[in-house]
Amino acid sequence: MKDSYKTKEQLIEEMEALRQEVVELKKGETERKRMEEALRDSMERYRTLVENINLGITLIGSDYRIIMTNA
C-alpha cells in the first residue's frame, strides 16, 4: 500500500509545478488585458479620425452592403 502514497518531495515538486502554471496563467491574463486595451485605443483613434475627417468614407463589405459610413 505504501506505493500509492506520494513522498513529501513529490508533493512539493507537484505544488511547485502548479505554482509555475498559475504564474504563467497570470502572465497570459495580463497580456490579454493589455492587448484588449490597445485594441480599444486603436478603435477609438480610428473612429475619431473617420468621424472628423472632411471626406466621405464608406466601408463596403464583400457582399456590397454598406458596413459603415461617416457623416
PDB file of N, CA and C in Angstrom:
ATOM      1  N   MET A   1       0.799  -1.191   0.000  1.00  0.00           N
ATOM      2  CA  MET A   1       0.000   0.000   0.000  1.00  0.00           C
ATOM      3  C   MET A   1       0.848   1.264   0.000  1.00  0.00           C
ATOM      4  N   LYS A   2       2.062   1.162   0.479  1.00  0.00           N
ATOM      5  CA  LYS A   2       2.895   2.344   0.585  1.00  0.00           C
ATOM      6  C   LYS A   2       3.184   2.960  -0.782  1.00  0.00           C
ATOM      7  N   ASP A   3       3.151   2.173  -1.841  1.00  0.00           N
ATOM      8  CA  ASP A   3       3.434   2.666  -3.182  1.00  0.00           C
ATOM      9  C   ASP A   3       2.395   3.678  -3.661  1.00  0.00           C
ATOM     10  N   SER A   4       1.171   3.634  -3.092  1.00  0.00           N
ATOM     11  CA  SER A   4       0.118   4.544  -3.532  1.00  0.00           C
ATOM     12  C   SER A   4       0.275   5.936  -2.915  1.00  0.00           C
ATOM     13  N   TYR A   5       1.127   6.087  -1.946  1.00  0.00           N
ATOM     14  CA  TYR A   5       1.348   7.380  -1.302  1.00  0.00           C
ATOM     15  C   TYR A   5       2.517   8.098  -1.940  1.00  0.00           C
ATOM     16  N   LYS A   6       2.385   9.423  -2.050  1.00  0.00           N
ATOM     17  CA  LYS A   6       3.472  10.214  -2.613  1.00  0.00           C
ATOM     18  C   LYS A   6       4.372  10.696  -1.487  1.00  0.00           C
ATOM     19  N   THR A   7       5.635  10.821  -1.811  1.00  0.00           N
ATOM     20  CA  THR A   7       6.580  11.311  -0.818  1.00  0.00           C
ATOM     21  C   THR A   7       6.405  12.812  -0.660  1.00  0.00           C
ATOM     22  N   LYS A   8       6.935  13.318   0.404  1.00  0.00           N
ATOM     23  CA  LYS A   8       6.882  14.761   0.667  1.00  0.00           C
ATOM     24  C   LYS A   8       7.555  15.517  -0.481  1.00  0.00           C
ATOM     25  N   GLU A   9       8.650  15.007  -0.974  1.00  0.00           N
ATOM     26  CA  GLU A   9       9.378  15.650  -2.073  1.00  0.00           C
ATOM     27  C   GLU A   9       8.539  15.681  -3.350  1.00  0.00           C
ATOM     28  N   GLN A  10       7.832  14.583  -3.629  1.00  0.00           N
ATOM     29  CA  GLN A  10       6.968  14.531  -4.815  1.00  0.00           C
ATOM     30  C   GLN A  10       5.835  15.561  -4.712  1.00  0.00           C
ATOM     31  N   LEU A  11       5.250  15.662  -3.534  1.00  0.00           N
ATOM     32  CA  LEU A  11       4.180  16.641  -3.331  1.00  0.00           C
ATOM     33  C   LEU A  11       4.699  18.064  -3.492  1.00  0.00           C
ATOM     34  N   ILE A  12       5.888  18.318  -2.978  1.00  0.00           N
ATOM     35  CA  ILE A  12       6.486  19.647  -3.105  1.00  0.00           C
ATOM     36  C   ILE A  12       6.762  19.958  -4.574  1.00  0.00           C
ATOM     37  N   GLU A  13       7.261  18.986  -5.312  1.00  0.00           N
ATOM     38  CA  GLU A  13       7.516  19.180  -6.743  1.00  0.00           C
ATOM     39  C   GLU A  13       6.213  19.470  -7.498  1.00  0.00           C
ATOM     40  N   GLU A  14       5.156  18.721  -7.166  1.00  0.00           N
ATOM     41  CA  GLU A  14       3.870  18.958  -7.825  1.00  0.00           C
ATOM     42  C   GLU A  14       3.321  20.344  -7.484  1.00  0.00           C
ATOM     43  N   MET A  15       3.468  20.745  -6.240  1.00  0.00           N
ATOM     44  CA  MET A  15       3.000  22.077  -5.837  1.00  0.00           C
ATOM     45  C   MET A  15       3.778  23.168  -6.557  1.00  0.00           C
ATOM     46  N   GLU A  16       5.066  22.982  -6.709  1.00  0.00           N
ATOM     47  CA  GLU A  16       5.891  23.961  -7.420  1.00  0.00           C
ATOM     48  C   GLU A  16       5.481  24.019  -8.888  1.00  0.00           C
ATOM     49  N   ALA A  17       5.199  22.885  -9.492  1.00  0.00           N
ATOM     50  CA  ALA A  17       4.754  22.862 -10.886  1.00  0.00           C
ATOM     51  C   ALA A  17       3.417  23.596 -11.023  1.00  0.00           C
ATOM     52  N   LEU A  18       2.522  23.373 -10.086  1.00  0.00           N
ATOM     53  CA  LEU A  18       1.235  24.080 -10.110  1.00  0.00           C
ATOM     54  C   LEU A  18       1.429  25.581  -9.917  1.00  0.00           C
ATOM     55  N   ARG A  19       2.340  25.965  -9.033  1.00  0.00           N
ATOM     56  CA  ARG A  19       2.619  27.386  -8.808  1.00  0.00           C
ATOM     57  C   ARG A  19       3.123  28.020 -10.091  1.00  0.00           C
ATOM     58  N   GLN A  20       4.002  27.326 -10.794  1.00  0.00           N
ATOM     59  CA  GLN A  20       4.537  27.844 -12.059  1.00  0.00           C
ATOM     60  C   GLN A  20       3.424  28.009 -13.095  1.00  0.00           C
ATOM     61  N   GLU A  21       2.499  27.055 -13.131  1.00  0.00           N
ATOM     62  CA  GLU A  21       1.372  27.154 -14.064  1.00  0.00           C
ATOM     63  C   GLU A  21       0.511  28.370 -13.739  1.00  0.00           C
ATOM     64  N   VAL A  22       0.279  28.619 -12.465  1.00  0.00           N
ATOM     65  CA  VAL A  22      -0.508  29.785 -12.056  1.00  0.00           C
ATOM     66  C   VAL A  22       0.196  31.073 -12.482  1.00  0.00           C
ATOM     67  N   VAL A  23       1.505  31.122 -12.301  1.00  0.00           N
ATOM     68  CA  VAL A  23       2.277  32.303 -12.712  1.00  0.00           C
ATOM     69  C   VAL A  23       2.127  32.528 -14.213  1.00  0.00           C
ATOM     70  N   GLU A  24       2.231  31.477 -15.000  1.00  0.00           N
ATOM     71  CA  GLU A  24       2.092  31.591 -16.451  1.00  0.00           C
ATOM     72  C   GLU A  24       0.683  32.032 -16.846  1.00  0.00           C
ATOM     73  N   LEU A  25      -0.323  31.511 -16.168  1.00  0.00           N
ATOM     74  CA  LEU A  25      -1.699  31.919 -16.446  1.00  0.00           C
ATOM     75  C   LEU A  25      -1.902  33.398 -16.155  1.00  0.00           C
ATOM     76  N   LYS A  26      -1.325  33.867 -15.062  1.00  0.00           N
ATOM     77  CA  LYS A  26      -1.444  35.289 -14.708  1.00  0.00           C
ATOM     78  C   LYS A  26      -0.755  36.156 -15.749  1.00  0.00           C
ATOM     79  N   LYS A  27       0.405  35.715 -16.239  1.00  0.00           N
ATOM     80  CA  LYS A  27       1.106  36.465 -17.285  1.00  0.00           C
ATOM     81  C   LYS A  27       0.245  36.548 -18.538  1.00  0.00           C
ATOM     82  N   GLY A  28      -0.371  35.432 -18.900  1.00  0.00           N
ATOM     83  CA  GLY A  28      -1.238  35.401 -20.079  1.00  0.00           C
ATOM     84  C   GLY A  28      -2.434  36.321 -19.924  1.00  0.00           C
ATOM     85  N   GLU A  29      -3.013  36.342 -18.741  1.00  0.00           N
ATOM     86  CA  GLU A  29      -4.165  37.205 -18.480  1.00  0.00           C
ATOM     87  C   GLU A  29      -3.755  38.676 -18.548  1.00  0.00           C
ATOM     88  N   THR A  30      -2.604  38.996 -18.015  1.00  0.00           N
ATOM     89  CA  THR A  30      -2.108  40.370 -18.065  1.00  0.00           C
ATOM     90  C   THR A  30      -1.874  40.795 -19.509  1.00  0.00           C
ATOM     91  N   GLU A  31      -1.290  39.926 -20.305  1.00  0.00           N
ATOM     92  CA  GLU A  31      -1.035  40.230 -21.716  1.00  0.00           C
ATOM     93  C   GLU A  31      -2.348  40.387 -22.482  1.00  0.00           C
ATOM     94  N   ARG A  32      -3.319  39.531 -22.201  1.00  0.00           N
ATOM     95  CA  ARG A  32      -4.622  39.625 -22.861  1.00  0.00           C
ATOM     96  C   ARG A  32      -5.283  40.961 -22.549  1.00  0.00           C
ATOM     97  N   LYS A  33      -5.234  41.366 -21.291  1.00  0.00           N
ATOM     98  CA  LYS A  33      -5.825  42.652 -20.902  1.00  0.00           C
ATOM     99  C   LYS A  33      -5.107  43.808 -21.590  1.00  0.00           C
ATOM    100  N   ARG A  34      -3.782  43.728 -21.691  1.00  0.00           N
ATOM    101  CA  ARG A  34      -3.025  44.784 -22.351  1.00  0.00           C
ATOM    102  C   ARG A  34      -3.407  44.873 -23.829  1.00  0.00           C
ATOM    103  N   MET A  35      -3.556  43.726 -24.463  1.00  0.00           N
ATOM    104  CA  MET A  35      -3.919  43.706 -25.874  1.00  0.00           C
ATOM    105  C   MET A  35      -5.341  44.225 -26.100  1.00  0.00           C
ATOM    106  N   GLU A  36      -6.262  43.886 -25.201  1.00  0.00           N
ATOM    107  CA  GLU A  36      -7.629  44.398 -25.309  1.00  0.00           C
ATOM    108  C   GLU A  36      -7.646  45.923 -25.189  1.00  0.00           C
ATOM    109  N   GLU A  37      -6.869  46.454 -24.263  1.00  0.00           N
ATOM    110  CA  GLU A  37      -6.792  47.907 -24.094  1.00  0.00           C
ATOM    111  C   GLU A  37      -6.189  48.572 -25.330  1.00  0.00           C
ATOM    112  N   ALA A  38      -5.156  47.978 -25.891  1.00  0.00           N
ATOM    113  CA  ALA A  38      -4.535  48.523 -27.100  1.00  0.00           C
ATOM    114  C   ALA A  38      -5.530  48.498 -28.259  1.00  0.00           C
ATOM    115  N   LEU A  39      -6.322  47.432 -28.365  1.00  0.00           N
ATOM    116  CA  LEU A  39      -7.331  47.347 -29.416  1.00  0.00           C
ATOM    117  C   LEU A  39      -8.396  48.423 -29.227  1.00  0.00           C
ATOM    118  N   ARG A  40      -8.858  48.624 -27.998  1.00  0.00           N
ATOM    119  CA  ARG A  40      -9.853  49.678 -27.731  1.00  0.00           C
ATOM    120  C   ARG A  40      -9.299  51.042 -28.106  1.00  0.00           C
ATOM    121  N   ASP A  41      -8.048  51.315 -27.740  1.00  0.00           N
ATOM    122  CA  ASP A  41      -7.420  52.598 -28.077  1.00  0.00           C
ATOM    123  C   ASP A  41      -7.337  52.784 -29.586  1.00  0.00           C
ATOM    124  N   SER A  42      -6.949  51.740 -30.294  1.00  0.00           N
ATOM    125  CA  SER A  42      -6.828  51.811 -31.740  1.00  0.00           C
ATOM    126  C   SER A  42      -8.183  52.054 -32.396  1.00  0.00           C
ATOM    127  N   MET A  43      -9.194  51.356 -31.931  1.00  0.00           N
ATOM    128  CA  MET A  43     -10.537  51.540 -32.478  1.00  0.00           C
ATOM    129  C   MET A  43     -11.039  52.963 -32.227  1.00  0.00           C
ATOM    130  N   GLU A  44     -10.769  53.489 -31.061  1.00  0.00           N
ATOM    131  CA  GLU A  44     -11.199  54.857 -30.746  1.00  0.00           C
ATOM    132  C   GLU A  44     -10.490  55.877 -31.640  1.00  0.00           C
ATOM    133  N   ARG A  45      -9.193  55.688 -31.878  1.00  0.00           N
ATOM    134  CA  ARG A  45      -8.470  56.597 -32.786  1.00  0.00           C
ATOM    135  C   ARG A  45      -9.050  56.525 -34.191  1.00  0.00           C
ATOM    136  N   TYR A  46      -9.326  55.322 -34.666  1.00  0.00           N
ATOM    137  CA  TYR A  46      -9.906  55.123 -35.987  1.00  0.00           C
ATOM    138  C   TYR A  46     -11.270  55.808 -36.073  1.00  0.00           C
ATOM    139  N   ARG A  47     -12.103  55.574 -35.071  1.00  0.00           N
ATOM    140  CA  ARG A  47     -13.445  56.154 -35.051  1.00  0.00           C
ATOM    141  C   ARG A  47     -13.381  57.675 -35.047  1.00  0.00           C
ATOM    142  N   THR A  48     -12.516  58.238 -34.233  1.00  0.00           N
ATOM    143  CA  THR A  48     -12.356  59.693 -34.170  1.00  0.00           C
ATOM    144  C   THR A  48     -11.886  60.251 -35.504  1.00  0.00           C
ATOM    145  N   LEU A  49     -10.937  59.596 -36.121  1.00  0.00           N
ATOM    146  CA  LEU A  49     -10.435  60.039 -37.421  1.00  0.00           C
ATOM    147  C   LEU A  49     -11.539  60.025 -38.471  1.00  0.00           C
ATOM    148  N   VAL A  50     -12.241  58.922 -38.571  1.00  0.00           N
ATOM    149  CA  VAL A  50     -13.284  58.779 -39.592  1.00  0.00           C
ATOM    150  C   VAL A  50     -14.422  59.766 -39.352  1.00  0.00           C
ATOM    151  N   GLU A  51     -14.802  59.959 -38.112  1.00  0.00           N
ATOM    152  CA  GLU A  51     -15.915  60.860 -37.816  1.00  0.00           C
ATOM    153  C   GLU A  51     -15.573  62.326 -38.044  1.00  0.00           C
ATOM    154  N   ASN A  52     -14.299  62.688 -37.983  1.00  0.00           N
ATOM    155  CA  ASN A  52     -13.927  64.101 -38.044  1.00  0.00           C
ATOM    156  C   ASN A  52     -13.231  64.518 -39.332  1.00  0.00           C
ATOM    157  N   ILE A  53     -13.021  63.613 -40.250  1.00  0.00           N
ATOM    158  CA  ILE A  53     -12.349  63.958 -41.498  1.00  0.00           C
ATOM    159  C   ILE A  53     -13.355  64.646 -42.436  1.00  0.00           C
ATOM    160  N   ASN A  54     -12.863  65.556 -43.260  1.00  0.00           N
ATOM    161  CA  ASN A  54     -13.731  66.307 -44.168  1.00  0.00           C
ATOM    162  C   ASN A  54     -13.958  65.584 -45.496  1.00  0.00           C
ATOM    163  N   LEU A  55     -13.907  64.292 -45.476  1.00  0.00           N
ATOM    164  CA  LEU A  55     -14.156  63.478 -46.668  1.00  0.00           C
ATOM    165  C   LEU A  55     -15.204  62.434 -46.317  1.00  0.00           C
ATOM    166  N   GLY A  56     -15.977  62.054 -47.332  1.00  0.00           N
ATOM    167  CA  GLY A  56     -16.929  60.979 -47.113  1.00  0.00           C
ATOM    168  C   GLY A  56     -16.219  59.641 -47.169  1.00  0.00           C
ATOM    169  N   ILE A  57     -16.461  58.828 -46.164  1.00  0.00           N
ATOM    170  CA  ILE A  57     -15.846  57.499 -46.112  1.00  0.00           C
ATOM    171  C   ILE A  57     -16.964  56.480 -45.955  1.00  0.00           C
ATOM    172  N   THR A  58     -16.955  55.469 -46.810  1.00  0.00           N
ATOM    173  CA  THR A  58     -17.926  54.389 -46.724  1.00  0.00           C
ATOM    174  C   THR A  58     -17.177  53.067 -46.777  1.00  0.00           C
ATOM    175  N   LEU A  59     -17.505  52.202 -45.871  1.00  0.00           N
ATOM    176  CA  LEU A  59     -16.906  50.869 -45.829  1.00  0.00           C
ATOM    177  C   LEU A  59     -17.944  49.897 -46.377  1.00  0.00           C
ATOM    178  N   ILE A  60     -17.575  49.193 -47.450  1.00  0.00           N
ATOM    179  CA  ILE A  60     -18.493  48.282 -48.123  1.00  0.00           C
ATOM    180  C   ILE A  60     -17.960  46.857 -47.989  1.00  0.00           C
ATOM    181  N   GLY A  61     -18.822  45.953 -47.595  1.00  0.00           N
ATOM    182  CA  GLY A  61     -18.441  44.556 -47.415  1.00  0.00           C
ATOM    183  C   GLY A  61     -18.307  43.828 -48.733  1.00  0.00           C
ATOM    184  N   SER A  62     -17.817  42.611 -48.668  1.00  0.00           N
ATOM    185  CA  SER A  62     -17.619  41.800 -49.874  1.00  0.00           C
ATOM    186  C   SER A  62     -18.939  41.465 -50.567  1.00  0.00           C
ATOM    187  N   ASP A  63     -20.050  41.589 -49.833  1.00  0.00           N
ATOM    188  CA  ASP A  63     -21.375  41.349 -50.431  1.00  0.00           C
ATOM    189  C   ASP A  63     -21.994  42.678 -50.927  1.00  0.00           C
ATOM    190  N   TYR A  64     -21.186  43.720 -50.998  1.00  0.00           N
ATOM    191  CA  TYR A  64     -21.559  45.050 -51.481  1.00  0.00           C
ATOM    192  C   TYR A  64     -22.578  45.764 -50.593  1.00  0.00           C
ATOM    193  N   ARG A  65     -22.691  45.354 -49.379  1.00  0.00           N
ATOM    194  CA  ARG A  65     -23.548  46.057 -48.429  1.00  0.00           C
ATOM    195  C   ARG A  65     -22.721  47.089 -47.682  1.00  0.00           C
ATOM    196  N   ILE A  66     -23.331  48.215 -47.369  1.00  0.00           N
ATOM    197  CA  ILE A  66     -22.638  49.273 -46.621  1.00  0.00           C
ATOM    198  C   ILE A  66     -22.510  48.817 -45.173  1.00  0.00           C
ATOM    199  N   ILE A  67     -21.278  48.809 -44.703  1.00  0.00           N
ATOM    200  CA  ILE A  67     -20.996  48.412 -43.337  1.00  0.00           C
ATOM    201  C   ILE A  67     -20.983  49.633 -42.434  1.00  0.00           C
ATOM    202  N   MET A  68     -20.381  50.729 -42.946  1.00  0.00           N
ATOM    203  CA  MET A  68     -20.222  51.929 -42.151  1.00  0.00           C
ATOM    204  C   MET A  68     -20.020  53.107 -43.091  1.00  0.00           C
ATOM    205  N   THR A  69     -20.525  54.253 -42.677  1.00  0.00           N
ATOM    206  CA  THR A  69     -20.261  55.486 -43.407  1.00  0.00           C
ATOM    207  C   THR A  69     -20.172  56.630 -42.406  1.00  0.00           C
ATOM    208  N   ASN A  70     -19.365  57.629 -42.714  1.00  0.00           N
ATOM    209  CA  ASN A  70     -19.292  58.775 -41.816  1.00  0.00           C
ATOM    210  C   ASN A  70     -20.285  59.850 -42.273  1.00  0.00           C
ATOM    211  N   ALA A  71     -20.440  60.873 -41.470  1.00  0.00           N
ATOM    212  CA  ALA A  71     -21.399  61.954 -41.772  1.00  0.00           C
ATOM    213  C   ALA A  71     -20.961  62.706 -43.016  1.00  0.00           C
TER     214      ALA A  71
END
